[in-house]
N, C-alpha and C. Protein backbone atom coordinates (compact mmCIF):
# COMPACT_ATOMS: atom_id res chain seq x y z
N MET A 1 -7.22 -20.82 -99.14
CA MET A 1 -6.79 -19.24 -98.93
C MET A 1 -8.29 -18.66 -98.69
N THR A 2 -8.26 -17.71 -97.96
CA THR A 2 -9.09 -17.17 -97.12
C THR A 2 -9.36 -15.60 -97.84
N ALA A 3 -10.53 -15.30 -97.29
CA ALA A 3 -10.71 -13.81 -98.55
C ALA A 3 -10.70 -12.84 -96.94
N THR A 4 -10.31 -11.60 -97.40
CA THR A 4 -10.13 -10.59 -96.71
C THR A 4 -11.40 -9.86 -96.79
N PRO A 5 -12.21 -9.56 -95.74
CA PRO A 5 -13.29 -8.76 -95.94
C PRO A 5 -12.98 -7.48 -96.31
N ASN A 6 -13.64 -6.66 -97.41
CA ASN A 6 -13.48 -5.44 -97.62
C ASN A 6 -14.38 -4.26 -97.28
N THR A 7 -14.24 -3.41 -97.90
CA THR A 7 -14.90 -1.92 -97.38
C THR A 7 -15.71 -1.63 -98.43
N PHE A 8 -16.75 -0.86 -98.87
CA PHE A 8 -17.00 -0.37 -100.28
C PHE A 8 -18.13 0.69 -99.68
N THR A 9 -18.46 1.49 -100.28
CA THR A 9 -19.75 2.64 -99.77
C THR A 9 -20.70 2.17 -100.57
N VAL A 10 -21.60 1.88 -99.70
CA VAL A 10 -23.20 1.07 -100.41
C VAL A 10 -23.70 1.80 -101.67
N LEU A 11 -24.06 3.50 -101.95
CA LEU A 11 -24.11 4.18 -103.19
C LEU A 11 -23.45 4.13 -103.80
N SER A 12 -22.29 3.85 -103.72
CA SER A 12 -21.22 3.87 -104.78
C SER A 12 -21.26 2.58 -105.73
N HIS A 13 -21.92 1.98 -105.01
CA HIS A 13 -21.84 -0.02 -105.48
C HIS A 13 -22.32 0.46 -107.10
N PRO A 14 -21.29 -0.23 -108.16
CA PRO A 14 -21.98 -0.38 -109.68
C PRO A 14 -22.91 -1.17 -109.83
N SER A 15 -23.42 -1.70 -108.83
CA SER A 15 -24.92 -2.50 -109.27
C SER A 15 -25.91 -1.68 -109.23
N LEU A 16 -26.00 -0.38 -108.69
CA LEU A 16 -27.05 0.17 -108.26
C LEU A 16 -27.49 1.04 -109.93
N ASP A 17 -28.83 1.21 -109.15
CA ASP A 17 -29.59 2.52 -110.56
C ASP A 17 -29.45 3.75 -109.88
N HIS A 18 -28.58 4.93 -110.59
CA HIS A 18 -28.17 6.18 -109.88
C HIS A 18 -29.28 7.40 -110.87
N SER A 19 -30.45 6.36 -111.21
CA SER A 19 -31.33 7.37 -112.02
C SER A 19 -32.14 9.09 -111.08
N GLY A 20 -31.56 8.68 -109.46
CA GLY A 20 -32.04 9.27 -108.46
C GLY A 20 -33.61 9.18 -107.86
N GLY A 21 -33.76 9.24 -106.85
CA GLY A 21 -35.00 9.14 -106.42
C GLY A 21 -35.54 10.24 -105.64
N GLY A 22 -35.10 11.54 -105.63
CA GLY A 22 -35.31 12.81 -105.12
C GLY A 22 -35.18 12.88 -103.89
N ARG A 23 -34.63 11.83 -103.28
CA ARG A 23 -34.48 12.60 -101.60
C ARG A 23 -32.86 12.77 -101.80
N ALA A 24 -32.75 13.40 -100.70
CA ALA A 24 -31.50 14.06 -100.69
C ALA A 24 -30.38 12.63 -99.59
N ALA A 25 -28.99 12.80 -100.26
CA ALA A 25 -28.08 11.53 -99.92
C ALA A 25 -27.76 11.72 -98.45
N GLU A 26 -28.05 10.59 -97.64
CA GLU A 26 -27.41 10.54 -96.27
C GLU A 26 -26.24 9.85 -96.30
N ALA A 27 -25.59 10.39 -94.55
CA ALA A 27 -24.33 9.48 -94.53
C ALA A 27 -24.49 8.37 -94.58
N VAL A 28 -23.27 7.49 -95.69
CA VAL A 28 -23.38 6.31 -95.33
C VAL A 28 -22.12 5.62 -94.78
N ARG A 29 -22.34 4.73 -93.99
CA ARG A 29 -21.11 3.25 -93.62
C ARG A 29 -20.73 2.24 -94.32
N PRO A 30 -19.36 2.27 -94.43
CA PRO A 30 -18.91 1.42 -94.77
C PRO A 30 -19.71 0.13 -95.02
N ALA A 31 -20.36 -0.63 -95.92
CA ALA A 31 -20.27 -2.43 -95.86
C ALA A 31 -19.32 -3.02 -96.09
N ALA A 32 -19.61 -4.41 -94.79
CA ALA A 32 -18.66 -4.89 -94.97
C ALA A 32 -18.51 -5.91 -96.10
N LEU A 33 -17.45 -6.46 -97.11
CA LEU A 33 -17.44 -6.79 -98.83
C LEU A 33 -17.24 -8.53 -98.16
N LEU A 34 -17.79 -9.28 -98.23
CA LEU A 34 -17.24 -10.96 -97.98
C LEU A 34 -17.42 -11.49 -99.47
N GLU A 35 -16.82 -12.83 -99.31
CA GLU A 35 -16.95 -13.60 -100.47
C GLU A 35 -18.04 -14.60 -100.46
N SER A 36 -18.74 -15.10 -101.19
CA SER A 36 -19.89 -15.68 -101.21
C SER A 36 -19.05 -17.27 -100.85
N ALA A 37 -17.93 -17.42 -101.26
CA ALA A 37 -17.94 -18.67 -100.60
C ALA A 37 -17.44 -18.82 -99.27
N GLU A 38 -17.36 -17.32 -98.72
CA GLU A 38 -17.06 -17.54 -97.43
C GLU A 38 -18.06 -17.98 -96.47
N LEU A 39 -19.13 -17.27 -96.46
CA LEU A 39 -20.27 -17.56 -96.48
C LEU A 39 -20.89 -18.96 -96.16
N LEU A 40 -20.72 -19.23 -97.62
CA LEU A 40 -20.98 -21.04 -97.65
C LEU A 40 -20.67 -22.14 -97.37
N LYS A 41 -19.22 -21.98 -97.12
CA LYS A 41 -18.21 -22.37 -96.69
C LYS A 41 -18.34 -23.63 -97.24
N GLY A 42 -17.99 -24.03 -98.32
CA GLY A 42 -18.49 -25.30 -99.24
C GLY A 42 -19.66 -26.24 -98.91
N SER A 43 -20.76 -25.22 -98.48
CA SER A 43 -22.19 -26.02 -99.15
C SER A 43 -22.96 -25.21 -99.96
N LYS A 44 -23.72 -25.45 -99.86
CA LYS A 44 -24.94 -25.32 -101.07
C LYS A 44 -25.89 -24.47 -100.59
N ALA A 45 -25.82 -24.30 -99.24
CA ALA A 45 -26.88 -23.21 -98.90
C ALA A 45 -26.53 -22.79 -97.32
N VAL A 46 -27.01 -22.25 -96.87
CA VAL A 46 -26.57 -21.32 -95.31
C VAL A 46 -28.06 -20.66 -94.86
N GLY A 47 -28.06 -21.49 -93.66
CA GLY A 47 -29.38 -19.72 -92.81
C GLY A 47 -29.24 -19.06 -92.04
N ILE A 48 -29.92 -17.99 -92.11
CA ILE A 48 -29.48 -16.43 -92.07
C ILE A 48 -30.17 -16.14 -91.19
N LEU A 49 -29.82 -16.10 -89.61
CA LEU A 49 -31.18 -15.35 -88.87
C LEU A 49 -31.28 -13.87 -88.83
N HIS A 50 -32.30 -13.23 -89.30
CA HIS A 50 -32.57 -11.78 -89.18
C HIS A 50 -33.88 -11.24 -89.06
N ASN A 51 -33.88 -10.67 -87.94
CA ASN A 51 -34.58 -9.85 -87.03
C ASN A 51 -35.66 -11.25 -86.71
N GLY A 52 -35.37 -11.65 -86.19
CA GLY A 52 -36.07 -13.27 -85.37
C GLY A 52 -36.94 -14.08 -86.71
N SER A 53 -36.20 -13.76 -87.39
CA SER A 53 -36.66 -14.76 -89.26
C SER A 53 -35.64 -15.54 -89.52
N LEU A 54 -36.21 -16.33 -90.17
CA LEU A 54 -34.89 -17.16 -91.07
C LEU A 54 -35.07 -17.23 -92.28
N TYR A 55 -33.85 -16.79 -92.64
CA TYR A 55 -33.63 -17.16 -94.23
C TYR A 55 -32.71 -18.04 -94.93
N ARG A 56 -33.04 -18.45 -96.23
CA ARG A 56 -31.86 -19.28 -96.56
C ARG A 56 -31.23 -18.40 -97.94
N LEU A 57 -29.74 -18.50 -97.90
CA LEU A 57 -28.71 -18.49 -98.99
C LEU A 57 -28.59 -19.50 -99.20
N GLN A 58 -28.78 -19.87 -100.68
CA GLN A 58 -28.77 -20.73 -101.81
C GLN A 58 -27.83 -20.20 -103.11
N ALA A 59 -26.70 -21.88 -103.03
CA ALA A 59 -25.96 -21.20 -104.53
C ALA A 59 -26.59 -21.74 -105.33
N THR A 60 -27.14 -21.98 -106.90
CA THR A 60 -27.59 -22.47 -107.57
C THR A 60 -26.24 -22.79 -108.30
N LYS A 61 -26.92 -24.02 -109.62
CA LYS A 61 -25.94 -24.74 -110.58
C LYS A 61 -25.31 -23.88 -111.60
N LEU A 62 -26.38 -22.79 -111.98
CA LEU A 62 -25.08 -21.68 -112.59
C LEU A 62 -24.84 -20.78 -111.92
N GLY A 63 -24.42 -20.72 -110.69
CA GLY A 63 -23.43 -20.12 -109.99
C GLY A 63 -24.31 -18.34 -109.54
N LYS A 64 -25.34 -18.41 -109.39
CA LYS A 64 -26.40 -17.15 -108.87
C LYS A 64 -26.52 -17.82 -107.39
N LEU A 65 -27.30 -16.63 -106.97
CA LEU A 65 -27.18 -17.05 -105.20
C LEU A 65 -29.08 -16.46 -104.64
N ILE A 66 -29.64 -16.96 -104.62
CA ILE A 66 -31.05 -16.92 -104.07
C ILE A 66 -31.24 -16.84 -102.57
N LEU A 67 -32.29 -15.97 -101.98
CA LEU A 67 -32.14 -15.35 -101.00
C LEU A 67 -33.71 -15.89 -100.37
N THR A 68 -33.74 -17.18 -99.85
CA THR A 68 -35.84 -17.06 -99.61
C THR A 68 -36.12 -16.61 -98.35
N LYS A 69 -37.50 -16.18 -97.58
CA LYS A 69 -38.05 -16.87 -96.25
C LYS A 69 -38.32 -17.79 -96.24
């Protein structure tokens, strides 16, 4: 079964702390929402090239994700 990308507003994501930072809210473009399985495609880790640096996204045995440079 293939995951269908969804969008969500980054500032309204429930994992964020809304205690306030004293800055005015800027217009936010919806971000793509992907399932981790779609990124990993059956592997335990995947490389991500970002701004010329290579990062590694890895799934742990406990089902958590670790991003390292």
